[in-house]
C-alpha atoms as a PDB file:
ATOM      1  CA  MET A   1      -9.462 -29.785 -45.979  1.00  0.00           C
ATOM      2  CA  SER A   2     -13.061 -30.306 -45.241  1.00  0.00           C
ATOM      3  CA  ASP A   3     -14.755 -33.423 -43.963  1.00  0.00           C
ATOM      4  CA  THR A   4     -11.554 -34.896 -42.417  1.00  0.00           C
ATOM      5  CA  SER A   5     -12.111 -37.938 -40.166  1.00  0.00           C
ATOM      6  CA  HIS A   6      -9.794 -39.728 -37.727  1.00  0.00           C
ATOM      7  CA  ASN A   7     -10.394 -43.353 -36.806  1.00  0.00           C
ATOM      8  CA  THR A   8      -8.536 -45.561 -34.357  1.00  0.00           C
ATOM      9  CA  TYR A   9      -8.662 -49.337 -34.407  1.00  0.00           C
ATOM     10  CA  PHE A  10      -7.163 -52.250 -32.464  1.00  0.00           C
ATOM     11  CA  ASP A  11      -6.497 -50.195 -29.264  1.00  0.00           C
ATOM     12  CA  GLY A  12      -4.580 -47.581 -31.212  1.00  0.00           C
ATOM     13  CA  GLY A  13      -2.439 -50.025 -33.196  1.00  0.00           C
ATOM     14  CA  VAL A  14      -4.005 -48.781 -36.423  1.00  0.00           C
ATOM     15  CA  GLN A  15      -5.016 -45.201 -37.157  1.00  0.00           C
ATOM     16  CA  SER A  16      -6.523 -43.690 -40.256  1.00  0.00           C
ATOM     17  CA  LEU A  17      -7.184 -40.157 -41.521  1.00  0.00           C
ATOM     18  CA  GLY A  18      -9.885 -39.827 -44.210  1.00  0.00           C
ATOM     19  CA  PHE A  19     -10.391 -36.769 -46.387  1.00  0.00           C
ATOM     20  CA  GLU A  20     -12.079 -35.651 -49.584  1.00  0.00           C
ATOM     21  CA  THR A  21     -10.084 -35.020 -52.813  1.00  0.00           C
ATOM     22  CA  ALA A  22     -11.159 -33.904 -56.252  1.00  0.00           C
ATOM     23  CA  ALA A  23     -11.165 -37.608 -57.233  1.00  0.00           C
ATOM     24  CA  GLY A  24     -13.234 -38.694 -54.192  1.00  0.00           C
ATOM     25  CA  ARG A  25     -12.604 -40.006 -50.665  1.00  0.00           C
ATOM     26  CA  ALA A  26      -9.016 -40.929 -49.712  1.00  0.00           C
ATOM     27  CA  THR A  27      -7.432 -42.256 -46.537  1.00  0.00           C
ATOM     28  CA  VAL A  28      -3.917 -42.529 -45.167  1.00  0.00           C
ATOM     29  CA  GLY A  29      -3.132 -44.849 -42.277  1.00  0.00           C
ATOM     30  CA  VAL A  30      -0.446 -45.874 -39.826  1.00  0.00           C
ATOM     31  CA  ILE A  31      -0.155 -49.490 -38.729  1.00  0.00           C
ATOM     32  CA  ALA A  32       1.973 -50.508 -35.714  1.00  0.00           C
ATOM     33  CA  PRO A  33       3.672 -53.923 -35.827  1.00  0.00           C
ATOM     34  CA  GLY A  34       1.145 -56.644 -35.045  1.00  0.00           C
ATOM     35  CA  THR A  35      -1.487 -58.926 -36.534  1.00  0.00           C
ATOM     36  CA  TYR A  36      -4.811 -57.400 -37.568  1.00  0.00           C
ATOM     37  CA  ASP A  37      -7.936 -58.656 -39.346  1.00  0.00           C
ATOM     38  CA  PHE A  38      -9.564 -55.912 -41.417  1.00  0.00           C
ATOM     39  CA  ASN A  39     -13.059 -55.951 -42.873  1.00  0.00           C
ATOM     40  CA  THR A  40     -13.428 -53.416 -45.690  1.00  0.00           C
ATOM     41  CA  GLU A  41     -16.744 -51.982 -46.791  1.00  0.00           C
ATOM     42  CA  ALA A  42     -15.654 -51.409 -50.407  1.00  0.00           C
ATOM     43  CA  PRO A  43     -12.696 -52.260 -52.693  1.00  0.00           C
ATOM     44  CA  GLU A  44      -9.496 -50.495 -51.740  1.00  0.00           C
ATOM     45  CA  ARG A  45      -6.040 -49.900 -53.126  1.00  0.00           C
ATOM     46  CA  MET A  46      -3.366 -50.320 -50.425  1.00  0.00           C
ATOM     47  CA  THR A  47       0.015 -48.655 -51.058  1.00  0.00           C
ATOM     48  CA  VAL A  48       2.969 -49.112 -48.688  1.00  0.00           C
ATOM     49  CA  VAL A  49       4.769 -45.794 -48.278  1.00  0.00           C
ATOM     50  CA  ASN A  50       7.252 -46.849 -45.617  1.00  0.00           C
ATOM     51  CA  GLY A  51       8.393 -50.094 -44.060  1.00  0.00           C
ATOM     52  CA  VAL A  52       7.097 -53.513 -45.088  1.00  0.00           C
ATOM     53  CA  LEU A  53       3.619 -55.022 -44.893  1.00  0.00           C
ATOM     54  CA  GLU A  54       2.901 -58.731 -44.863  1.00  0.00           C
ATOM     55  CA  ALA A  55      -0.719 -59.630 -45.705  1.00  0.00           C
ATOM     56  CA  ILE A  56      -3.146 -62.274 -46.906  1.00  0.00           C
ATOM     57  CA  VAL A  57      -5.736 -60.722 -49.183  1.00  0.00           C
ATOM     58  CA  ASP A  58      -9.223 -62.175 -48.975  1.00  0.00           C
ATOM     59  CA  GLY A  59      -9.548 -65.088 -51.408  1.00  0.00           C
ATOM     60  CA  GLU A  60      -5.821 -65.874 -51.309  1.00  0.00           C
ATOM     61  CA  SER A  61      -4.121 -68.574 -49.219  1.00  0.00           C
ATOM     62  CA  ASP A  62      -0.524 -67.369 -48.941  1.00  0.00           C
ATOM     63  CA  TRP A  63       1.038 -64.449 -47.115  1.00  0.00           C
ATOM     64  CA  GLU A  64       2.630 -61.896 -49.433  1.00  0.00           C
ATOM     65  CA  ILE A  65       5.278 -59.346 -48.548  1.00  0.00           C
ATOM     66  CA  TYR A  66       4.729 -55.826 -49.766  1.00  0.00           C
ATOM     67  CA  PRO A  67       7.829 -53.547 -49.428  1.00  0.00           C
ATOM     68  CA  LYS A  68       7.898 -49.753 -49.506  1.00  0.00           C
ATOM     69  CA  GLY A  69       6.570 -48.484 -52.884  1.00  0.00           C
ATOM     70  CA  SER A  70       4.471 -51.541 -53.620  1.00  0.00           C
ATOM     71  CA  GLY A  71       0.753 -52.059 -53.277  1.00  0.00           C
ATOM     72  CA  PHE A  72      -2.187 -54.378 -53.778  1.00  0.00           C
ATOM     73  CA  GLU A  73      -5.942 -54.353 -54.346  1.00  0.00           C
ATOM     74  CA  VAL A  74      -8.404 -55.376 -51.640  1.00  0.00           C
ATOM     75  CA  PRO A  75     -11.596 -56.765 -53.221  1.00  0.00           C
END
């Protein structure tokens, strides 16, 4: 893999690996239990591969629960 990046956020509570694929840039992340406010630079597709994620997507007013295997779009 070329051009791999590692980013750490929220004092290590969130970590992300970014890499290039044939389809473009991709990332995979690990999120420790907690409450975080993310600001994305571009639209993203979030997919939960393990555990459960509870989130409010920008523009929505209610918390949604996303179990393993589900996902959502971040505008």
